[in-house]
Amino acid sequence: MSYFRTIAKDIKLDGVGDLLTKDGDFVIGESDQQHIDDILVSGKGNWREWPALGVEIHRSLNSTGQITNRVGLLRRIRLNLEFDNFNVQQLQFVRVNGNVQLKIDANRAR
């Protein structure tokens, strides 16, 4: 039995969401992390093909009950990633240099 990893490729975006171009053409590259970032930032209804997809993480992190809602937020993130065919191995908040960061270890299922 052989195992191979599916590598999704897409048009690359820069740090602010603009299209990357090189020599007058779009840059194509591995896009799993970009897809995860898009799911976290987008909200329900932002994707016409998948209206239920989107976490809108900025709303949860800026809410008044952000500490108590972390478990619910992690659950929403996991469900959305699984809906987009990711196998989520690890999903947790970690403290790095005094800042709380989201750690996601997920691979595309197919």
PDB file of N, CA and C in Angstrom:
ATOM      1  N   MET A   1       0.846  -1.174   0.000  1.00  0.00           N
ATOM      2  CA  MET A   1       0.000   0.000   0.000  1.00  0.00           C
ATOM      3  C   MET A   1       0.890   1.234   0.000  1.00  0.00           C
ATOM      4  N   SER A   2       0.595   2.145  -0.860  1.00  0.00           N
ATOM      5  CA  SER A   2       1.382   3.364  -0.912  1.00  0.00           C
ATOM      6  C   SER A   2       0.563   4.529  -0.377  1.00  0.00           C
ATOM      7  N   TYR A   3       1.269   5.459   0.204  1.00  0.00           N
ATOM      8  CA  TYR A   3       0.644   6.650   0.763  1.00  0.00           C
ATOM      9  C   TYR A   3       1.168   7.848   0.002  1.00  0.00           C
ATOM     10  N   PHE A   4       0.270   8.710  -0.402  1.00  0.00           N
ATOM     11  CA  PHE A   4       0.708   9.946  -1.018  1.00  0.00           C
ATOM     12  C   PHE A   4      -0.154  11.084  -0.470  1.00  0.00           C
ATOM     13  N   ARG A   5       0.439  12.233  -0.395  1.00  0.00           N
ATOM     14  CA  ARG A   5      -0.243  13.413   0.121  1.00  0.00           C
ATOM     15  C   ARG A   5      -0.759  14.233  -1.042  1.00  0.00           C
ATOM     16  N   THR A   6      -2.011  14.595  -0.980  1.00  0.00           N
ATOM     17  CA  THR A   6      -2.588  15.455  -1.987  1.00  0.00           C
ATOM     18  C   THR A   6      -2.120  16.881  -1.733  1.00  0.00           C
ATOM     19  N   ILE A   7      -1.559  17.486  -2.740  1.00  0.00           N
ATOM     20  CA  ILE A   7      -1.077  18.852  -2.606  1.00  0.00           C
ATOM     21  C   ILE A   7      -1.984  19.757  -3.430  1.00  0.00           C
ATOM     22  N   ALA A   8      -2.733  20.600  -2.732  1.00  0.00           N
ATOM     23  CA  ALA A   8      -3.607  21.553  -3.409  1.00  0.00           C
ATOM     24  C   ALA A   8      -2.775  22.749  -3.851  1.00  0.00           C
ATOM     25  N   LYS A   9      -3.022  23.204  -5.065  1.00  0.00           N
ATOM     26  CA  LYS A   9      -2.334  24.383  -5.584  1.00  0.00           C
ATOM     27  C   LYS A   9      -3.372  25.407  -5.993  1.00  0.00           C
ATOM     28  N   ASP A  10      -3.006  26.661  -5.817  1.00  0.00           N
ATOM     29  CA  ASP A  10      -3.924  27.745  -6.116  1.00  0.00           C
ATOM     30  C   ASP A  10      -3.116  29.006  -6.385  1.00  0.00           C
ATOM     31  N   ILE A  11      -3.798  30.057  -6.793  1.00  0.00           N
ATOM     32  CA  ILE A  11      -3.158  31.352  -6.964  1.00  0.00           C
ATOM     33  C   ILE A  11      -2.755  31.854  -5.591  1.00  0.00           C
ATOM     34  N   LYS A  12      -1.511  32.301  -5.445  1.00  0.00           N
ATOM     35  CA  LYS A  12      -0.988  32.751  -4.157  1.00  0.00           C
ATOM     36  C   LYS A  12      -1.375  34.207  -3.883  1.00  0.00           C
ATOM     37  N   LEU A  13      -1.554  34.486  -2.606  1.00  0.00           N
ATOM     38  CA  LEU A  13      -1.849  35.832  -2.147  1.00  0.00           C
ATOM     39  C   LEU A  13      -0.713  36.314  -1.255  1.00  0.00           C
ATOM     40  N   ASP A  14      -0.527  37.635  -1.191  1.00  0.00           N
ATOM     41  CA  ASP A  14       0.491  38.165  -0.281  1.00  0.00           C
ATOM     42  C   ASP A  14      -0.105  38.328   1.116  1.00  0.00           C
ATOM     43  N   GLY A  15       0.619  38.936   2.023  1.00  0.00           N
ATOM     44  CA  GLY A  15       0.205  39.070   3.409  1.00  0.00           C
ATOM     45  C   GLY A  15      -1.059  39.885   3.639  1.00  0.00           C
ATOM     46  N   VAL A  16      -1.419  40.732   2.692  1.00  0.00           N
ATOM     47  CA  VAL A  16      -2.627  41.552   2.845  1.00  0.00           C
ATOM     48  C   VAL A  16      -3.760  41.102   1.935  1.00  0.00           C
ATOM     49  N   GLY A  17      -3.585  39.967   1.256  1.00  0.00           N
ATOM     50  CA  GLY A  17      -4.653  39.404   0.441  1.00  0.00           C
ATOM     51  C   GLY A  17      -4.649  39.800  -1.020  1.00  0.00           C
ATOM     52  N   ASP A  18      -3.615  40.494  -1.465  1.00  0.00           N
ATOM     53  CA  ASP A  18      -3.509  40.853  -2.883  1.00  0.00           C
ATOM     54  C   ASP A  18      -2.891  39.702  -3.664  1.00  0.00           C
ATOM     55  N   LEU A  19      -3.251  39.599  -4.942  1.00  0.00           N
ATOM     56  CA  LEU A  19      -2.699  38.555  -5.800  1.00  0.00           C
ATOM     57  C   LEU A  19      -1.203  38.760  -6.000  1.00  0.00           C
ATOM     58  N   LEU A  20      -0.459  37.675  -5.899  1.00  0.00           N
ATOM     59  CA  LEU A  20       0.975  37.730  -6.194  1.00  0.00           C
ATOM     60  C   LEU A  20       1.182  37.526  -7.686  1.00  0.00           C
ATOM     61  N   THR A  21       2.040  38.348  -8.271  1.00  0.00           N
ATOM     62  CA  THR A  21       2.376  38.195  -9.680  1.00  0.00           C
ATOM     63  C   THR A  21       3.884  38.180  -9.832  1.00  0.00           C
ATOM     64  N   LYS A  22       4.327  37.496 -10.879  1.00  0.00           N
ATOM     65  CA  LYS A  22       5.745  37.451 -11.204  1.00  0.00           C
ATOM     66  C   LYS A  22       5.857  37.406 -12.724  1.00  0.00           C
ATOM     67  N   ASP A  23       6.635  38.285 -13.277  1.00  0.00           N
ATOM     68  CA  ASP A  23       6.813  38.390 -14.729  1.00  0.00           C
ATOM     69  C   ASP A  23       5.473  38.516 -15.457  1.00  0.00           C
ATOM     70  N   GLY A  24       4.542  39.266 -14.860  1.00  0.00           N
ATOM     71  CA  GLY A  24       3.260  39.517 -15.494  1.00  0.00           C
ATOM     72  C   GLY A  24       2.255  38.380 -15.408  1.00  0.00           C
ATOM     73  N   ASP A  25       2.526  37.382 -14.594  1.00  0.00           N
ATOM     74  CA  ASP A  25       1.612  36.248 -14.475  1.00  0.00           C
ATOM     75  C   ASP A  25       1.364  35.957 -12.997  1.00  0.00           C
ATOM     76  N   PHE A  26       0.278  35.251 -12.716  1.00  0.00           N
ATOM     77  CA  PHE A  26      -0.034  34.883 -11.346  1.00  0.00           C
ATOM     78  C   PHE A  26       0.950  33.846 -10.832  1.00  0.00           C
ATOM     79  N   VAL A  27       1.240  33.910  -9.549  1.00  0.00           N
ATOM     80  CA  VAL A  27       2.099  32.926  -8.900  1.00  0.00           C
ATOM     81  C   VAL A  27       1.204  31.794  -8.391  1.00  0.00           C
ATOM     82  N   ILE A  28       1.560  30.563  -8.754  1.00  0.00           N
ATOM     83  CA  ILE A  28       0.828  29.375  -8.321  1.00  0.00           C
ATOM     84  C   ILE A  28       1.692  28.631  -7.313  1.00  0.00           C
ATOM     85  N   GLY A  29       1.080  28.129  -6.254  1.00  0.00           N
ATOM     86  CA  GLY A  29       1.850  27.383  -5.266  1.00  0.00           C
ATOM     87  C   GLY A  29       0.957  26.591  -4.339  1.00  0.00           C
ATOM     88  N   GLU A  30       1.583  25.863  -3.418  1.00  0.00           N
ATOM     89  CA  GLU A  30       0.820  25.091  -2.430  1.00  0.00           C
ATOM     90  C   GLU A  30      -0.089  26.042  -1.663  1.00  0.00           C
ATOM     91  N   SER A  31      -1.315  25.604  -1.421  1.00  0.00           N
ATOM     92  CA  SER A  31      -2.293  26.553  -0.891  1.00  0.00           C
ATOM     93  C   SER A  31      -3.031  26.081   0.357  1.00  0.00           C
ATOM     94  N   ASP A  32      -2.634  24.954   0.944  1.00  0.00           N
ATOM     95  CA  ASP A  32      -3.364  24.471   2.120  1.00  0.00           C
ATOM     96  C   ASP A  32      -3.399  25.505   3.234  1.00  0.00           C
ATOM     97  N   GLN A  33      -2.260  26.109   3.568  1.00  0.00           N
ATOM     98  CA  GLN A  33      -2.246  27.107   4.646  1.00  0.00           C
ATOM     99  C   GLN A  33      -3.074  28.321   4.266  1.00  0.00           C
ATOM    100  N   GLN A  34      -3.023  28.709   3.012  1.00  0.00           N
ATOM    101  CA  GLN A  34      -3.810  29.846   2.546  1.00  0.00           C
ATOM    102  C   GLN A  34      -5.300  29.532   2.673  1.00  0.00           C
ATOM    103  N   HIS A  35      -5.706  28.300   2.363  1.00  0.00           N
ATOM    104  CA  HIS A  35      -7.114  27.905   2.491  1.00  0.00           C
ATOM    105  C   HIS A  35      -7.550  27.918   3.941  1.00  0.00           C
ATOM    106  N   ILE A  36      -6.692  27.440   4.833  1.00  0.00           N
ATOM    107  CA  ILE A  36      -7.010  27.465   6.263  1.00  0.00           C
ATOM    108  C   ILE A  36      -7.185  28.911   6.731  1.00  0.00           C
ATOM    109  N   ASP A  37      -6.266  29.783   6.341  1.00  0.00           N
ATOM    110  CA  ASP A  37      -6.364  31.200   6.725  1.00  0.00           C
ATOM    111  C   ASP A  37      -7.659  31.821   6.198  1.00  0.00           C
ATOM    112  N   ASP A  38      -8.024  31.513   4.956  1.00  0.00           N
ATOM    113  CA  ASP A  38      -9.251  32.045   4.364  1.00  0.00           C
ATOM    114  C   ASP A  38     -10.486  31.575   5.126  1.00  0.00           C
ATOM    115  N   ILE A  39     -10.499  30.318   5.542  1.00  0.00           N
ATOM    116  CA  ILE A  39     -11.633  29.787   6.299  1.00  0.00           C
ATOM    117  C   ILE A  39     -11.739  30.491   7.645  1.00  0.00           C
ATOM    118  N   LEU A  40     -10.601  30.727   8.307  1.00  0.00           N
ATOM    119  CA  LEU A  40     -10.621  31.380   9.614  1.00  0.00           C
ATOM    120  C   LEU A  40     -11.129  32.817   9.532  1.00  0.00           C
ATOM    121  N   VAL A  41     -10.748  33.530   8.489  1.00  0.00           N
ATOM    122  CA  VAL A  41     -11.088  34.944   8.369  1.00  0.00           C
ATOM    123  C   VAL A  41     -12.491  35.156   7.815  1.00  0.00           C
ATOM    124  N   SER A  42     -12.920  34.336   6.883  1.00  0.00           N
ATOM    125  CA  SER A  42     -14.211  34.546   6.234  1.00  0.00           C
ATOM    126  C   SER A  42     -15.367  34.171   7.161  1.00  0.00           C
ATOM    127  N   GLY A  43     -16.540  34.665   6.799  1.00  0.00           N
ATOM    128  CA  GLY A  43     -17.740  34.391   7.578  1.00  0.00           C
ATOM    129  C   GLY A  43     -18.741  33.579   6.788  1.00  0.00           C
ATOM    130  N   LYS A  44     -19.747  33.112   7.463  1.00  0.00           N
ATOM    131  CA  LYS A  44     -20.816  32.365   6.808  1.00  0.00           C
ATOM    132  C   LYS A  44     -21.423  33.238   5.717  1.00  0.00           C
ATOM    133  N   GLY A  45     -21.602  32.654   4.551  1.00  0.00           N
ATOM    134  CA  GLY A  45     -22.182  33.371   3.428  1.00  0.00           C
ATOM    135  C   GLY A  45     -21.171  34.044   2.525  1.00  0.00           C
ATOM    136  N   ASN A  46     -19.892  34.061   2.893  1.00  0.00           N
ATOM    137  CA  ASN A  46     -18.875  34.675   2.040  1.00  0.00           C
ATOM    138  C   ASN A  46     -18.510  33.812   0.839  1.00  0.00           C
ATOM    139  N   TRP A  47     -18.729  32.511   0.931  1.00  0.00           N
ATOM    140  CA  TRP A  47     -18.417  31.585  -0.158  1.00  0.00           C
ATOM    141  C   TRP A  47     -19.732  31.151  -0.793  1.00  0.00           C
ATOM    142  N   ARG A  48     -19.978  31.581  -2.016  1.00  0.00           N
ATOM    143  CA  ARG A  48     -21.248  31.292  -2.673  1.00  0.00           C
ATOM    144  C   ARG A  48     -21.483  29.792  -2.815  1.00  0.00           C
ATOM    145  N   GLU A  49     -20.435  29.045  -3.113  1.00  0.00           N
ATOM    146  CA  GLU A  49     -20.587  27.606  -3.314  1.00  0.00           C
ATOM    147  C   GLU A  49     -20.819  26.861  -2.000  1.00  0.00           C
ATOM    148  N   TRP A  50     -20.310  27.410  -0.899  1.00  0.00           N
ATOM    149  CA  TRP A  50     -20.424  26.773   0.418  1.00  0.00           C
ATOM    150  C   TRP A  50     -20.865  27.824   1.435  1.00  0.00           C
ATOM    151  N   PRO A  51     -22.153  28.165   1.480  1.00  0.00           N
ATOM    152  CA  PRO A  51     -22.611  29.267   2.333  1.00  0.00           C
ATOM    153  C   PRO A  51     -22.436  29.034   3.831  1.00  0.00           C
ATOM    154  N   ALA A  52     -22.249  27.790   4.264  1.00  0.00           N
ATOM    155  CA  ALA A  52     -22.081  27.516   5.692  1.00  0.00           C
ATOM    156  C   ALA A  52     -20.616  27.554   6.130  1.00  0.00           C
ATOM    157  N   LEU A  53     -19.691  27.758   5.189  1.00  0.00           N
ATOM    158  CA  LEU A  53     -18.258  27.738   5.495  1.00  0.00           C
ATOM    159  C   LEU A  53     -17.789  29.100   5.977  1.00  0.00           C
ATOM    160  N   GLY A  54     -17.002  29.116   7.036  1.00  0.00           N
ATOM    161  CA  GLY A  54     -16.418  30.358   7.536  1.00  0.00           C
ATOM    162  C   GLY A  54     -16.500  30.446   9.046  1.00  0.00           C
ATOM    163  N   VAL A  55     -15.411  30.878   9.675  1.00  0.00           N
ATOM    164  CA  VAL A  55     -15.324  30.944  11.137  1.00  0.00           C
ATOM    165  C   VAL A  55     -15.507  32.374  11.644  1.00  0.00           C
ATOM    166  N   GLU A  56     -15.029  33.365  10.882  1.00  0.00           N
ATOM    167  CA  GLU A  56     -15.050  34.765  11.296  1.00  0.00           C
ATOM    168  C   GLU A  56     -14.356  34.929  12.655  1.00  0.00           C
ATOM    169  N   ILE A  57     -13.115  34.488  12.695  1.00  0.00           N
ATOM    170  CA  ILE A  57     -12.369  34.399  13.954  1.00  0.00           C
ATOM    171  C   ILE A  57     -12.201  35.755  14.630  1.00  0.00           C
ATOM    172  N   HIS A  58     -12.091  36.820  13.879  1.00  0.00           N
ATOM    173  CA  HIS A  58     -11.887  38.140  14.486  1.00  0.00           C
ATOM    174  C   HIS A  58     -13.059  38.535  15.373  1.00  0.00           C
ATOM    175  N   ARG A  59     -14.273  38.106  15.031  1.00  0.00           N
ATOM    176  CA  ARG A  59     -15.432  38.409  15.877  1.00  0.00           C
ATOM    177  C   ARG A  59     -15.336  37.678  17.208  1.00  0.00           C
ATOM    178  N   SER A  60     -14.910  36.427  17.164  1.00  0.00           N
ATOM    179  CA  SER A  60     -14.809  35.644  18.393  1.00  0.00           C
ATOM    180  C   SER A  60     -13.694  36.156  19.289  1.00  0.00           C
ATOM    181  N   LEU A  61     -12.566  36.512  18.705  1.00  0.00           N
ATOM    182  CA  LEU A  61     -11.438  36.967  19.507  1.00  0.00           C
ATOM    183  C   LEU A  61     -11.665  38.350  20.096  1.00  0.00           C
ATOM    184  N   ASN A  62     -12.502  39.146  19.475  1.00  0.00           N
ATOM    185  CA  ASN A  62     -12.782  40.491  19.978  1.00  0.00           C
ATOM    186  C   ASN A  62     -14.046  40.553  20.824  1.00  0.00           C
ATOM    187  N   SER A  63     -14.689  39.411  21.070  1.00  0.00           N
ATOM    188  CA  SER A  63     -15.918  39.409  21.859  1.00  0.00           C
ATOM    189  C   SER A  63     -15.601  39.522  23.340  1.00  0.00           C
ATOM    190  N   THR A  64     -16.601  39.886  24.116  1.00  0.00           N
ATOM    191  CA  THR A  64     -16.394  40.067  25.548  1.00  0.00           C
ATOM    192  C   THR A  64     -16.166  38.746  26.273  1.00  0.00           C
ATOM    193  N   GLY A  65     -16.717  37.653  25.779  1.00  0.00           N
ATOM    194  CA  GLY A  65     -16.555  36.365  26.443  1.00  0.00           C
ATOM    195  C   GLY A  65     -15.518  35.488  25.797  1.00  0.00           C
ATOM    196  N   GLN A  66     -14.440  36.093  25.290  1.00  0.00           N
ATOM    197  CA  GLN A  66     -13.475  35.328  24.503  1.00  0.00           C
ATOM    198  C   GLN A  66     -12.818  34.191  25.272  1.00  0.00           C
ATOM    199  N   ILE A  67     -12.595  34.329  26.558  1.00  0.00           N
ATOM    200  CA  ILE A  67     -11.961  33.261  27.331  1.00  0.00           C
ATOM    201  C   ILE A  67     -12.895  32.062  27.432  1.00  0.00           C
ATOM    202  N   THR A  68     -14.151  32.305  27.742  1.00  0.00           N
ATOM    203  CA  THR A  68     -15.104  31.199  27.919  1.00  0.00           C
ATOM    204  C   THR A  68     -15.535  30.595  26.597  1.00  0.00           C
ATOM    205  N   ASN A  69     -15.389  31.330  25.507  1.00  0.00           N
ATOM    206  CA  ASN A  69     -15.834  30.830  24.208  1.00  0.00           C
ATOM    207  C   ASN A  69     -14.744  30.106  23.430  1.00  0.00           C
ATOM    208  N   ARG A  70     -13.567  29.924  24.004  1.00  0.00           N
ATOM    209  CA  ARG A  70     -12.470  29.291  23.259  1.00  0.00           C
ATOM    210  C   ARG A  70     -12.795  27.865  22.854  1.00  0.00           C
ATOM    211  N   VAL A  71     -13.437  27.113  23.718  1.00  0.00           N
ATOM    212  CA  VAL A  71     -13.782  25.730  23.380  1.00  0.00           C
ATOM    213  C   VAL A  71     -14.752  25.714  22.202  1.00  0.00           C
ATOM    214  N   GLY A  72     -15.740  26.584  22.225  1.00  0.00           N
ATOM    215  CA  GLY A  72     -16.685  26.676  21.117  1.00  0.00           C
ATOM    216  C   GLY A  72     -16.016  27.124  19.833  1.00  0.00           C
ATOM    217  N   LEU A  73     -15.067  28.056  19.956  1.00  0.00           N
ATOM    218  CA  LEU A  73     -14.333  28.532  18.785  1.00  0.00           C
ATOM    219  C   LEU A  73     -13.497  27.405  18.189  1.00  0.00           C
ATOM    220  N   LEU A  74     -12.797  26.651  19.029  1.00  0.00           N
ATOM    221  CA  LEU A  74     -12.000  25.524  18.540  1.00  0.00           C
ATOM    222  C   LEU A  74     -12.891  24.496  17.841  1.00  0.00           C
ATOM    223  N   ARG A  75     -14.068  24.268  18.376  1.00  0.00           N
ATOM    224  CA  ARG A  75     -15.008  23.321  17.755  1.00  0.00           C
ATOM    225  C   ARG A  75     -15.462  23.827  16.381  1.00  0.00           C
ATOM    226  N   ARG A  76     -15.791  25.126  16.292  1.00  0.00           N
ATOM    227  CA  ARG A  76     -16.203  25.700  15.007  1.00  0.00           C
ATOM    228  C   ARG A  76     -15.083  25.610  13.981  1.00  0.00           C
ATOM    229  N   ILE A  77     -13.847  25.890  14.416  1.00  0.00           N
ATOM    230  CA  ILE A  77     -12.705  25.807  13.504  1.00  0.00           C
ATOM    231  C   ILE A  77     -12.542  24.376  13.006  1.00  0.00           C
ATOM    232  N   ARG A  78     -12.574  23.403  13.914  1.00  0.00           N
ATOM    233  CA  ARG A  78     -12.426  21.996  13.537  1.00  0.00           C
ATOM    234  C   ARG A  78     -13.508  21.578  12.538  1.00  0.00           C
ATOM    235  N   LEU A  79     -14.753  21.919  12.800  1.00  0.00           N
ATOM    236  CA  LEU A  79     -15.852  21.541  11.908  1.00  0.00           C
ATOM    237  C   LEU A  79     -15.695  22.161  10.523  1.00  0.00           C
ATOM    238  N   ASN A  80     -15.291  23.435  10.472  1.00  0.00           N
ATOM    239  CA  ASN A  80     -15.114  24.096   9.184  1.00  0.00           C
ATOM    240  C   ASN A  80     -13.955  23.500   8.399  1.00  0.00           C
ATOM    241  N   LEU A  81     -12.854  23.182   9.077  1.00  0.00           N
ATOM    242  CA  LEU A  81     -11.719  22.580   8.381  1.00  0.00           C
ATOM    243  C   LEU A  81     -12.067  21.185   7.883  1.00  0.00           C
ATOM    244  N   GLU A  82     -12.767  20.411   8.692  1.00  0.00           N
ATOM    245  CA  GLU A  82     -13.179  19.079   8.265  1.00  0.00           C
ATOM    246  C   GLU A  82     -14.153  19.160   7.094  1.00  0.00           C
ATOM    247  N   PHE A  83     -15.010  20.169   7.081  1.00  0.00           N
ATOM    248  CA  PHE A  83     -15.932  20.370   5.959  1.00  0.00           C
ATOM    249  C   PHE A  83     -15.160  20.619   4.662  1.00  0.00           C
ATOM    250  N   ASP A  84     -13.992  21.241   4.761  1.00  0.00           N
ATOM    251  CA  ASP A  84     -13.157  21.514   3.582  1.00  0.00           C
ATOM    252  C   ASP A  84     -12.122  20.404   3.361  1.00  0.00           C
ATOM    253  N   ASN A  85     -12.392  19.215   3.888  1.00  0.00           N
ATOM    254  CA  ASN A  85     -11.574  18.008   3.669  1.00  0.00           C
ATOM    255  C   ASN A  85     -10.186  18.077   4.284  1.00  0.00           C
ATOM    256  N   PHE A  86     -10.067  18.665   5.457  1.00  0.00           N
ATOM    257  CA  PHE A  86      -8.817  18.636   6.202  1.00  0.00           C
ATOM    258  C   PHE A  86      -8.954  17.636   7.346  1.00  0.00           C
ATOM    259  N   ASN A  87      -7.902  16.866   7.587  1.00  0.00           N
ATOM    260  CA  ASN A  87      -7.805  16.036   8.789  1.00  0.00           C
ATOM    261  C   ASN A  87      -7.081  16.868   9.829  1.00  0.00           C
ATOM    262  N   VAL A  88      -7.761  17.197  10.900  1.00  0.00           N
ATOM    263  CA  VAL A  88      -7.187  18.038  11.942  1.00  0.00           C
ATOM    264  C   VAL A  88      -6.522  17.137  12.974  1.00  0.00           C
ATOM    265  N   GLN A  89      -5.205  17.248  13.084  1.00  0.00           N
ATOM    266  CA  GLN A  89      -4.445  16.462  14.048  1.00  0.00           C
ATOM    267  C   GLN A  89      -4.385  17.161  15.399  1.00  0.00           C
ATOM    268  N   GLN A  90      -4.140  18.466  15.375  1.00  0.00           N
ATOM    269  CA  GLN A  90      -4.008  19.230  16.612  1.00  0.00           C
ATOM    270  C   GLN A  90      -4.577  20.623  16.392  1.00  0.00           C
ATOM    271  N   LEU A  91      -5.318  21.076  17.386  1.00  0.00           N
ATOM    272  CA  LEU A  91      -5.930  22.396  17.331  1.00  0.00           C
ATOM    273  C   LEU A  91      -6.010  22.917  18.762  1.00  0.00           C
ATOM    274  N   GLN A  92      -5.219  23.945  19.056  1.00  0.00           N
ATOM    275  CA  GLN A  92      -5.203  24.458  20.431  1.00  0.00           C
ATOM    276  C   GLN A  92      -4.657  25.873  20.469  1.00  0.00           C
ATOM    277  N   PHE A  93      -4.974  26.555  21.549  1.00  0.00           N
ATOM    278  CA  PHE A  93      -4.375  27.851  21.823  1.00  0.00           C
ATOM    279  C   PHE A  93      -3.118  27.610  22.637  1.00  0.00           C
ATOM    280  N   VAL A  94      -2.021  28.266  22.267  1.00  0.00           N
ATOM    281  CA  VAL A  94      -0.762  28.143  23.002  1.00  0.00           C
ATOM    282  C   VAL A  94      -0.257  29.551  23.327  1.00  0.00           C
ATOM    283  N   ARG A  95       0.490  29.652  24.406  1.00  0.00           N
ATOM    284  CA  ARG A  95       1.071  30.931  24.803  1.00  0.00           C
ATOM    285  C   ARG A  95       2.526  30.961  24.334  1.00  0.00           C
ATOM    286  N   VAL A  96       2.853  31.970  23.513  1.00  0.00           N
ATOM    287  CA  VAL A  96       4.201  32.143  22.988  1.00  0.00           C
ATOM    288  C   VAL A  96       4.647  33.564  23.320  1.00  0.00           C
ATOM    289  N   ASN A  97       5.697  33.667  24.134  1.00  0.00           N
ATOM    290  CA  ASN A  97       6.233  34.966  24.544  1.00  0.00           C
ATOM    291  C   ASN A  97       5.154  35.889  25.105  1.00  0.00           C
ATOM    292  N   GLY A  98       4.249  35.349  25.887  1.00  0.00           N
ATOM    293  CA  GLY A  98       3.200  36.145  26.505  1.00  0.00           C
ATOM    294  C   GLY A  98       1.988  36.382  25.630  1.00  0.00           C
ATOM    295  N   ASN A  99       2.022  35.954  24.370  1.00  0.00           N
ATOM    296  CA  ASN A  99       0.890  36.116  23.459  1.00  0.00           C
ATOM    297  C   ASN A  99       0.211  34.776  23.242  1.00  0.00           C
ATOM    298  N   VAL A 100      -1.107  34.791  23.113  1.00  0.00           N
ATOM    299  CA  VAL A 100      -1.860  33.577  22.823  1.00  0.00           C
ATOM    300  C   VAL A 100      -1.948  33.431  21.312  1.00  0.00           C
ATOM    301  N   GLN A 101      -1.552  32.257  20.821  1.00  0.00           N
ATOM    302  CA  GLN A 101      -1.601  31.977  19.392  1.00  0.00           C
ATOM    303  C   GLN A 101      -2.390  30.698  19.150  1.00  0.00           C
ATOM    304  N   LEU A 102      -2.960  30.604  17.980  1.00  0.00           N
ATOM    305  CA  LEU A 102      -3.708  29.419  17.581  1.00  0.00           C
ATOM    306  C   LEU A 102      -2.768  28.478  16.843  1.00  0.00           C
ATOM    307  N   LYS A 103      -2.662  27.249  17.312  1.00  0.00           N
ATOM    308  CA  LYS A 103      -1.801  26.253  16.671  1.00  0.00           C
ATOM    309  C   LYS A 103      -2.696  25.244  15.957  1.00  0.00           C
ATOM    310  N   ILE A 104      -2.489  25.138  14.644  1.00  0.00           N
ATOM    311  CA  ILE A 104      -3.286  24.227  13.825  1.00  0.00           C
ATOM    312  C   ILE A 104      -2.349  23.275  13.107  1.00  0.00           C
ATOM    313  N   ASP A 105      -2.578  21.986  13.285  1.00  0.00           N
ATOM    314  CA  ASP A 105      -1.861  20.956  12.549  1.00  0.00           C
ATOM    315  C   ASP A 105      -2.928  20.177  11.775  1.00  0.00           C
ATOM    316  N   ALA A 106      -3.035  20.469  10.480  1.00  0.00           N
ATOM    317  CA  ALA A 106      -4.065  19.843   9.652  1.00  0.00           C
ATOM    318  C   ALA A 106      -3.492  19.540   8.276  1.00  0.00           C
ATOM    319  N   ASN A 107      -3.913  18.418   7.735  1.00  0.00           N
ATOM    320  CA  ASN A 107      -3.502  18.008   6.381  1.00  0.00           C
ATOM    321  C   ASN A 107      -4.735  17.752   5.546  1.00  0.00           C
ATOM    322  N   ARG A 108      -4.616  18.012   4.270  1.00  0.00           N
ATOM    323  CA  ARG A 108      -5.738  17.780   3.364  1.00  0.00           C
ATOM    324  C   ARG A 108      -5.999  16.289   3.247  1.00  0.00           C
ATOM    325  N   ALA A 109      -7.265  15.893   3.379  1.00  0.00           N
ATOM    326  CA  ALA A 109      -7.649  14.482   3.352  1.00  0.00           C
ATOM    327  C   ALA A 109      -7.603  13.889   1.958  1.00  0.00           C
ATOM    328  N   ARG A 110      -7.962  14.665   0.980  1.00  0.00           N
ATOM    329  CA  ARG A 110      -7.943  14.168  -0.399  1.00  0.00           C
ATOM    330  C   ARG A 110      -7.713  15.287  -1.365  1.00  0.00           C
TER     331      ARG A 110
END
